[in-house]
């Protein structure tokens, strides 16, 4: 493999070198597996997971002192179900359904293409010629970032780690929001890095823009719901009490 190469080759087939894919220049955790399960489902939920772990510890303390406080789990569980619906909407509607519609609109060249032998067996003829909106952009900006950001903003807006009935060490009270903020900054970094690779090597500008416009179908209603916490639906998912 050449130094600073873009395409990496792992072996030979029939005496001819074959390209395995783009060289991975980043060794950052999660950066190479953002589009895979379970990372694509767990990473957007990390602020909610932190809240859940904190609630488990606090409720264990409350059980010993005053009895179980199971009600503190209910709003978080509602948001968890909301996020699951959003992720399934992204996967079933914005990905599978729109790809089927796209395949019906754009037909492959019946005469075939000169680069057919260079494609994988599961890829259709003339793969890459037709317009193909960036589903990775949809994944990044309709699922991973908006869910994590909304839950992070709700944690900052309604602080849950300061409970006068729960004697938490002051150092931990400072460490928890710093951890959430550092996690969001890191998530943004690896998402933007992956978005750059997608835009630079796999999709045209119009395909990237189309993917982002499609992602707005999912992220805009979620942002509006979090910003209107005074409404009945907003209070149901984002209560103003921790």
C-alpha atoms as a PDB file:
ATOM      1  CA  UNK A   1       0.000   0.000   0.000  1.00  0.00           C
ATOM      2  CA  UNK A   2       1.382   3.417  -0.940  1.00  0.00           C
ATOM      3  CA  UNK A   3       1.760   6.025   1.743  1.00  0.00           C
ATOM      4  CA  UNK A   4      -1.177   8.501   1.846  1.00  0.00           C
ATOM      5  CA  UNK A   5      -3.058   6.423  -0.746  1.00  0.00           C
ATOM      6  CA  UNK A   6      -6.805   6.937  -1.136  1.00  0.00           C
ATOM      7  CA  UNK A   7      -7.693   3.414  -2.261  1.00  0.00           C
ATOM      8  CA  UNK A   8      -6.308   0.448  -0.303  1.00  0.00           C
ATOM      9  CA  UNK A   9      -5.812  -3.012  -1.817  1.00  0.00           C
ATOM     10  CA  UNK A  10      -5.803  -6.098   0.368  1.00  0.00           C
ATOM     11  CA  UNK A  11      -4.970  -8.901  -2.031  1.00  0.00           C
ATOM     12  CA  UNK A  12      -5.215 -10.385  -5.506  1.00  0.00           C
ATOM     13  CA  UNK A  13      -7.891 -12.223  -7.401  1.00  0.00           C
ATOM     14  CA  UNK A  14      -6.909 -13.986 -10.598  1.00  0.00           C
ATOM     15  CA  UNK A  15      -3.544 -12.271 -10.529  1.00  0.00           C
ATOM     16  CA  UNK A  16      -5.121  -8.813 -10.507  1.00  0.00           C
ATOM     17  CA  UNK A  17      -5.098  -6.473  -7.540  1.00  0.00           C
ATOM     18  CA  UNK A  18      -8.558  -5.541  -6.333  1.00  0.00           C
ATOM     19  CA  UNK A  19      -9.481  -2.490  -4.292  1.00  0.00           C
ATOM     20  CA  UNK A  20     -10.980  -3.192  -0.892  1.00  0.00           C
ATOM     21  CA  UNK A  21     -12.117   0.353  -0.287  1.00  0.00           C
ATOM     22  CA  UNK A  22     -11.014   3.710   0.988  1.00  0.00           C
ATOM     23  CA  UNK A  23      -8.029   3.789   3.293  1.00  0.00           C
ATOM     24  CA  UNK A  24      -9.000   4.556   6.863  1.00  0.00           C
ATOM     25  CA  UNK A  25      -6.865   7.425   8.097  1.00  0.00           C
ATOM     26  CA  UNK A  26      -8.654   7.803  11.435  1.00  0.00           C
ATOM     27  CA  UNK A  27      -8.287   5.477  14.397  1.00  0.00           C
ATOM     28  CA  UNK A  28     -10.707   7.400  16.589  1.00  0.00           C
ATOM     29  CA  UNK A  29     -13.221   5.285  18.521  1.00  0.00           C
ATOM     30  CA  UNK A  30     -16.562   4.793  16.716  1.00  0.00           C
ATOM     31  CA  UNK A  31     -15.406   6.868  13.711  1.00  0.00           C
ATOM     32  CA  UNK A  32     -15.198   3.842  11.410  1.00  0.00           C
ATOM     33  CA  UNK A  33     -18.508   2.243  12.410  1.00  0.00           C
ATOM     34  CA  UNK A  34     -21.040   5.063  12.539  1.00  0.00           C
ATOM     35  CA  UNK A  35     -23.290   3.431   9.953  1.00  0.00           C
ATOM     36  CA  UNK A  36     -23.305   0.010  11.613  1.00  0.00           C
ATOM     37  CA  UNK A  37     -25.446  -1.577  14.292  1.00  0.00           C
ATOM     38  CA  UNK A  38     -25.317  -1.120  17.260  1.00  0.00           C
ATOM     39  CA  UNK A  39     -23.260   2.099  17.042  1.00  0.00           C
ATOM     40  CA  UNK A  40     -25.822   3.878  14.859  1.00  0.00           C
ATOM     41  CA  UNK A  41     -28.480   3.177  17.500  1.00  0.00           C
ATOM     42  CA  UNK A  42     -26.480   3.544  20.721  1.00  0.00           C
ATOM     43  CA  UNK A  43     -24.432   6.673  19.980  1.00  0.00           C
ATOM     44  CA  UNK A  44     -27.453   9.002  19.654  1.00  0.00           C
ATOM     45  CA  UNK A  45     -28.776   7.639  22.951  1.00  0.00           C
ATOM     46  CA  UNK A  46     -25.643   8.270  25.010  1.00  0.00           C
ATOM     47  CA  UNK A  47     -27.048  11.336  26.897  1.00  0.00           C
ATOM     48  CA  UNK A  48     -30.146   9.306  27.750  1.00  0.00           C
ATOM     49  CA  UNK A  49     -27.991   6.358  28.851  1.00  0.00           C
ATOM     50  CA  UNK A  50     -26.012   8.675  31.161  1.00  0.00           C
ATOM     51  CA  UNK A  51     -29.293   9.962  32.612  1.00  0.00           C
ATOM     52  CA  UNK A  52     -30.556   6.415  33.097  1.00  0.00           C
ATOM     53  CA  UNK A  53     -27.375   5.334  34.915  1.00  0.00           C
ATOM     54  CA  UNK A  54     -27.575   8.370  37.155  1.00  0.00           C
ATOM     55  CA  UNK A  55     -31.272   7.670  37.869  1.00  0.00           C
ATOM     56  CA  UNK A  56     -30.489   4.071  38.768  1.00  0.00           C
ATOM     57  CA  UNK A  57     -27.897   5.212  41.293  1.00  0.00           C
ATOM     58  CA  UNK A  58     -30.136   7.950  42.699  1.00  0.00           C
ATOM     59  CA  UNK A  59     -33.162   5.666  42.958  1.00  0.00           C
ATOM     60  CA  UNK A  60     -31.103   3.026  44.714  1.00  0.00           C
ATOM     61  CA  UNK A  61     -30.247   5.688  47.279  1.00  0.00           C
ATOM     62  CA  UNK A  62     -33.893   6.819  47.422  1.00  0.00           C
ATOM     63  CA  UNK A  63     -35.104   3.249  47.940  1.00  0.00           C
ATOM     64  CA  UNK A  64     -32.938   2.960  51.008  1.00  0.00           C
ATOM     65  CA  UNK A  65     -33.942   6.391  52.353  1.00  0.00           C
ATOM     66  CA  UNK A  66     -37.574   6.953  51.352  1.00  0.00           C
ATOM     67  CA  UNK A  67     -38.807   4.184  49.076  1.00  0.00           C
ATOM     68  CA  UNK A  68     -38.642   3.633  45.328  1.00  0.00           C
ATOM     69  CA  UNK A  69     -39.007   6.680  43.025  1.00  0.00           C
ATOM     70  CA  UNK A  70     -39.994   4.873  39.876  1.00  0.00           C
ATOM     71  CA  UNK A  71     -41.758   7.972  38.515  1.00  0.00           C
ATOM     72  CA  UNK A  72     -38.399   9.546  37.638  1.00  0.00           C
ATOM     73  CA  UNK A  73     -37.936   6.930  34.916  1.00  0.00           C
ATOM     74  CA  UNK A  74     -41.224   7.601  33.130  1.00  0.00           C
ATOM     75  CA  UNK A  75     -40.362  10.784  31.125  1.00  0.00           C
ATOM     76  CA  UNK A  76     -37.018   9.301  30.069  1.00  0.00           C
ATOM     77  CA  UNK A  77     -38.764   6.106  28.978  1.00  0.00           C
ATOM     78  CA  UNK A  78     -41.245   8.155  26.909  1.00  0.00           C
ATOM     79  CA  UNK A  79     -38.369   9.889  25.125  1.00  0.00           C
ATOM     80  CA  UNK A  80     -36.660   6.551  24.606  1.00  0.00           C
ATOM     81  CA  UNK A  81     -39.752   5.257  22.814  1.00  0.00           C
ATOM     82  CA  UNK A  82     -39.948   8.501  20.815  1.00  0.00           C
ATOM     83  CA  UNK A  83     -36.339   8.084  19.725  1.00  0.00           C
ATOM     84  CA  UNK A  84     -36.977   4.462  18.732  1.00  0.00           C
ATOM     85  CA  UNK A  85     -39.884   5.583  16.557  1.00  0.00           C
ATOM     86  CA  UNK A  86     -37.691   8.250  14.980  1.00  0.00           C
ATOM     87  CA  UNK A  87     -34.886   5.781  14.263  1.00  0.00           C
ATOM     88  CA  UNK A  88     -37.298   3.306  12.708  1.00  0.00           C
ATOM     89  CA  UNK A  89     -38.837   6.116  10.657  1.00  0.00           C
ATOM     90  CA  UNK A  90     -35.382   6.973   9.379  1.00  0.00           C
ATOM     91  CA  UNK A  91     -34.607   3.341   8.553  1.00  0.00           C
ATOM     92  CA  UNK A  92     -37.936   2.211   7.095  1.00  0.00           C
ATOM     93  CA  UNK A  93     -39.260   5.380   5.454  1.00  0.00           C
ATOM     94  CA  UNK A  94     -36.326   7.676   4.728  1.00  0.00           C
ATOM     95  CA  UNK A  95     -33.982   4.841   3.748  1.00  0.00           C
ATOM     96  CA  UNK A  96     -35.748   1.709   2.504  1.00  0.00           C
ATOM     97  CA  UNK A  97     -38.937   3.282   1.131  1.00  0.00           C
ATOM     98  CA  UNK A  98     -37.234   6.216  -0.585  1.00  0.00           C
ATOM     99  CA  UNK A  99     -34.599   3.918  -2.063  1.00  0.00           C
ATOM    100  CA  UNK A 100     -37.355   1.752  -3.542  1.00  0.00           C
ATOM    101  CA  UNK A 101     -38.999   4.837  -5.021  1.00  0.00           C
ATOM    102  CA  UNK A 102     -35.646   5.957  -6.390  1.00  0.00           C
ATOM    103  CA  UNK A 103     -35.039   2.537  -7.976  1.00  0.00           C
ATOM    104  CA  UNK A 104     -38.434   2.673  -9.667  1.00  0.00           C
ATOM    105  CA  UNK A 105     -37.823   6.132 -11.088  1.00  0.00           C
ATOM    106  CA  UNK A 106     -34.273   5.528 -12.251  1.00  0.00           C
ATOM    107  CA  UNK A 107     -33.788   2.356 -14.266  1.00  0.00           C
ATOM    108  CA  UNK A 108     -30.433   0.802 -15.036  1.00  0.00           C
ATOM    109  CA  UNK A 109     -29.042   0.894 -18.531  1.00  0.00           C
ATOM    110  CA  UNK A 110     -30.303  -2.298 -20.243  1.00  0.00           C
ATOM    111  CA  UNK A 111     -27.153  -2.438 -22.358  1.00  0.00           C
ATOM    112  CA  UNK A 112     -24.966  -2.595 -19.263  1.00  0.00           C
ATOM    113  CA  UNK A 113     -21.910  -0.503 -18.430  1.00  0.00           C
ATOM    114  CA  UNK A 114     -18.249  -0.900 -19.182  1.00  0.00           C
ATOM    115  CA  UNK A 115     -17.363  -1.043 -15.476  1.00  0.00           C
ATOM    116  CA  UNK A 116     -19.782  -3.854 -14.585  1.00  0.00           C
ATOM    117  CA  UNK A 117     -16.881  -6.181 -13.710  1.00  0.00           C
ATOM    118  CA  UNK A 118     -15.585  -3.692 -11.167  1.00  0.00           C
ATOM    119  CA  UNK A 119     -18.840  -3.662  -9.170  1.00  0.00           C
ATOM    120  CA  UNK A 120     -19.874  -6.035  -6.421  1.00  0.00           C
ATOM    121  CA  UNK A 121     -22.322  -8.796  -7.351  1.00  0.00           C
ATOM    122  CA  UNK A 122     -25.130  -7.253  -5.282  1.00  0.00           C
ATOM    123  CA  UNK A 123     -24.806  -3.864  -7.002  1.00  0.00           C
ATOM    124  CA  UNK A 124     -27.030  -3.199 -10.033  1.00  0.00           C
ATOM    125  CA  UNK A 125     -25.733  -2.468 -13.526  1.00  0.00           C
ATOM    126  CA  UNK A 126     -24.424   1.068 -13.993  1.00  0.00           C
ATOM    127  CA  UNK A 127     -24.345   1.573 -10.249  1.00  0.00           C
ATOM    128  CA  UNK A 128     -23.210   5.131  -9.574  1.00  0.00           C
ATOM    129  CA  UNK A 129     -24.579   6.732 -12.736  1.00  0.00           C
ATOM    130  CA  UNK A 130     -28.064   7.379 -11.457  1.00  0.00           C
ATOM    131  CA  UNK A 131     -28.924  10.012  -8.887  1.00  0.00           C
ATOM    132  CA  UNK A 132     -28.479   8.495  -5.424  1.00  0.00           C
ATOM    133  CA  UNK A 133     -29.246  10.704  -2.428  1.00  0.00           C
ATOM    134  CA  UNK A 134     -26.771  10.235   0.418  1.00  0.00           C
ATOM    135  CA  UNK A 135     -28.381   7.887   2.925  1.00  0.00           C
ATOM    136  CA  UNK A 136     -25.332   8.296   5.188  1.00  0.00           C
ATOM    137  CA  UNK A 137     -26.095  12.019   5.438  1.00  0.00           C
ATOM    138  CA  UNK A 138     -29.666  11.091   6.353  1.00  0.00           C
ATOM    139  CA  UNK A 139     -28.343   8.730   9.026  1.00  0.00           C
ATOM    140  CA  UNK A 140     -25.991  11.351  10.462  1.00  0.00           C
ATOM    141  CA  UNK A 141     -28.369  14.332  10.433  1.00  0.00           C
ATOM    142  CA  UNK A 142     -31.751  12.655  10.897  1.00  0.00           C
ATOM    143  CA  UNK A 143     -30.811  10.099  13.538  1.00  0.00           C
ATOM    144  CA  UNK A 144     -27.464  10.312  15.294  1.00  0.00           C
ATOM    145  CA  UNK A 145     -26.941  14.054  15.804  1.00  0.00           C
ATOM    146  CA  UNK A 146     -30.499  15.357  16.407  1.00  0.00           C
ATOM    147  CA  UNK A 147     -31.429  12.728  18.993  1.00  0.00           C
ATOM    148  CA  UNK A 148     -28.207  13.221  20.956  1.00  0.00           C
ATOM    149  CA  UNK A 149     -28.458  17.023  20.698  1.00  0.00           C
ATOM    150  CA  UNK A 150     -32.094  17.203  21.825  1.00  0.00           C
ATOM    151  CA  UNK A 151     -31.449  14.968  24.836  1.00  0.00           C
ATOM    152  CA  UNK A 152     -28.290  16.928  25.692  1.00  0.00           C
ATOM    153  CA  UNK A 153     -30.124  20.273  25.511  1.00  0.00           C
ATOM    154  CA  UNK A 154     -32.912  18.935  27.707  1.00  0.00           C
ATOM    155  CA  UNK A 155     -30.309  17.790  30.261  1.00  0.00           C
ATOM    156  CA  UNK A 156     -28.793  21.282  30.330  1.00  0.00           C
ATOM    157  CA  UNK A 157     -32.172  23.018  30.406  1.00  0.00           C
ATOM    158  CA  UNK A 158     -33.593  20.839  33.189  1.00  0.00           C
ATOM    159  CA  UNK A 159     -30.631  19.841  35.336  1.00  0.00           C
ATOM    160  CA  UNK A 160     -31.203  16.435  36.865  1.00  0.00           C
ATOM    161  CA  UNK A 161     -27.930  15.935  38.749  1.00  0.00           C
ATOM    162  CA  UNK A 162     -28.715  18.532  41.457  1.00  0.00           C
ATOM    163  CA  UNK A 163     -31.157  16.977  43.900  1.00  0.00           C
ATOM    164  CA  UNK A 164     -31.383  18.404  47.418  1.00  0.00           C
ATOM    165  CA  UNK A 165     -32.604  15.006  48.639  1.00  0.00           C
ATOM    166  CA  UNK A 166     -29.648  13.236  47.074  1.00  0.00           C
ATOM    167  CA  UNK A 167     -26.241  14.088  48.537  1.00  0.00           C
ATOM    168  CA  UNK A 168     -24.111  13.858  45.418  1.00  0.00           C
ATOM    169  CA  UNK A 169     -20.490  14.941  45.641  1.00  0.00           C
ATOM    170  CA  UNK A 170     -19.855  18.382  44.193  1.00  0.00           C
ATOM    171  CA  UNK A 171     -17.025  17.072  42.011  1.00  0.00           C
ATOM    172  CA  UNK A 172     -19.432  14.625  40.385  1.00  0.00           C
ATOM    173  CA  UNK A 173     -21.962  17.426  39.804  1.00  0.00           C
ATOM    174  CA  UNK A 174     -19.299  19.233  37.771  1.00  0.00           C
ATOM    175  CA  UNK A 175     -17.982  16.112  36.030  1.00  0.00           C
ATOM    176  CA  UNK A 176     -21.356  14.980  34.688  1.00  0.00           C
ATOM    177  CA  UNK A 177     -22.161  18.036  32.500  1.00  0.00           C
ATOM    178  CA  UNK A 178     -18.534  18.212  31.352  1.00  0.00           C
ATOM    179  CA  UNK A 179     -18.756  14.573  30.282  1.00  0.00           C
ATOM    180  CA  UNK A 180     -21.971  15.231  28.363  1.00  0.00           C
ATOM    181  CA  UNK A 181     -20.477  18.294  26.648  1.00  0.00           C
ATOM    182  CA  UNK A 182     -17.248  16.464  25.767  1.00  0.00           C
ATOM    183  CA  UNK A 183     -19.282  13.576  24.372  1.00  0.00           C
ATOM    184  CA  UNK A 184     -21.322  15.916  22.169  1.00  0.00           C
ATOM    185  CA  UNK A 185     -18.209  17.692  20.864  1.00  0.00           C
ATOM    186  CA  UNK A 186     -16.589  14.360  20.025  1.00  0.00           C
ATOM    187  CA  UNK A 187     -19.777  13.099  18.367  1.00  0.00           C
ATOM    188  CA  UNK A 188     -19.961  16.230  16.206  1.00  0.00           C
ATOM    189  CA  UNK A 189     -16.316  15.814  15.216  1.00  0.00           C
ATOM    190  CA  UNK A 190     -16.608  12.208  14.037  1.00  0.00           C
ATOM    191  CA  UNK A 191     -19.947  12.916  12.317  1.00  0.00           C
ATOM    192  CA  UNK A 192     -18.515  15.865  10.372  1.00  0.00           C
ATOM    193  CA  UNK A 193     -15.449  13.792   9.509  1.00  0.00           C
ATOM    194  CA  UNK A 194     -17.636  10.968   8.197  1.00  0.00           C
ATOM    195  CA  UNK A 195     -19.812  13.486   6.323  1.00  0.00           C
ATOM    196  CA  UNK A 196     -16.717  14.875   4.603  1.00  0.00           C
ATOM    197  CA  UNK A 197     -15.680  11.393   3.451  1.00  0.00           C
ATOM    198  CA  UNK A 198     -19.185  10.711   2.171  1.00  0.00           C
ATOM    199  CA  UNK A 199     -19.326  13.995   0.257  1.00  0.00           C
ATOM    200  CA  UNK A 200     -15.771  13.762  -1.080  1.00  0.00           C
ATOM    201  CA  UNK A 201     -15.677  10.153  -2.281  1.00  0.00           C
ATOM    202  CA  UNK A 202     -19.174   8.660  -2.570  1.00  0.00           C
ATOM    203  CA  UNK A 203     -21.738  11.291  -3.577  1.00  0.00           C
ATOM    204  CA  UNK A 204     -22.104  14.402  -5.666  1.00  0.00           C
ATOM    205  CA  UNK A 205     -22.983  17.756  -4.140  1.00  0.00           C
ATOM    206  CA  UNK A 206     -26.610  17.521  -5.206  1.00  0.00           C
ATOM    207  CA  UNK A 207     -26.916  14.042  -3.697  1.00  0.00           C
ATOM    208  CA  UNK A 208     -25.525  15.301  -0.389  1.00  0.00           C
ATOM    209  CA  UNK A 209     -27.902  18.286  -0.395  1.00  0.00           C
ATOM    210  CA  UNK A 210     -30.823  15.984  -1.174  1.00  0.00           C
ATOM    211  CA  UNK A 211     -29.873  13.735   1.740  1.00  0.00           C
ATOM    212  CA  UNK A 212     -29.769  16.685   4.112  1.00  0.00           C
ATOM    213  CA  UNK A 213     -33.120  18.027   2.913  1.00  0.00           C
ATOM    214  CA  UNK A 214     -34.636  14.583   3.487  1.00  0.00           C
ATOM    215  CA  UNK A 215     -33.146  14.505   6.996  1.00  0.00           C
ATOM    216  CA  UNK A 216     -35.010  17.712   7.842  1.00  0.00           C
ATOM    217  CA  UNK A 217     -38.236  15.665   7.650  1.00  0.00           C
ATOM    218  CA  UNK A 218     -37.143  13.943  10.839  1.00  0.00           C
ATOM    219  CA  UNK A 219     -35.036  16.498  12.709  1.00  0.00           C
ATOM    220  CA  UNK A 220     -37.248  19.605  12.378  1.00  0.00           C
ATOM    221  CA  UNK A 221     -40.322  18.160  14.207  1.00  0.00           C
ATOM    222  CA  UNK A 222     -38.067  16.827  16.978  1.00  0.00           C
ATOM    223  CA  UNK A 223     -36.415  20.215  17.492  1.00  0.00           C
ATOM    224  CA  UNK A 224     -39.809  21.935  17.507  1.00  0.00           C
ATOM    225  CA  UNK A 225     -41.097  19.487  20.108  1.00  0.00           C
ATOM    226  CA  UNK A 226     -38.137  20.103  22.407  1.00  0.00           C
ATOM    227  CA  UNK A 227     -38.372  23.890  21.989  1.00  0.00           C
ATOM    228  CA  UNK A 228     -42.097  23.947  22.855  1.00  0.00           C
ATOM    229  CA  UNK A 229     -41.811  22.292  26.241  1.00  0.00           C
ATOM    230  CA  UNK A 230     -44.713  24.422  27.467  1.00  0.00           C
ATOM    231  CA  UNK A 231     -47.211  22.607  25.256  1.00  0.00           C
ATOM    232  CA  UNK A 232     -48.999  19.454  26.386  1.00  0.00           C
ATOM    233  CA  UNK A 233     -47.031  17.258  24.016  1.00  0.00           C
ATOM    234  CA  UNK A 234     -43.805  19.004  24.960  1.00  0.00           C
ATOM    235  CA  UNK A 235     -44.457  18.447  28.677  1.00  0.00           C
ATOM    236  CA  UNK A 236     -45.272  14.814  27.981  1.00  0.00           C
ATOM    237  CA  UNK A 237     -41.817  14.122  26.554  1.00  0.00           C
ATOM    238  CA  UNK A 238     -39.737  16.990  27.969  1.00  0.00           C
ATOM    239  CA  UNK A 239     -41.087  17.882  31.430  1.00  0.00           C
ATOM    240  CA  UNK A 240     -39.703  20.958  33.154  1.00  0.00           C
ATOM    241  CA  UNK A 241     -39.030  18.994  36.342  1.00  0.00           C
ATOM    242  CA  UNK A 242     -36.074  16.555  36.541  1.00  0.00           C
END
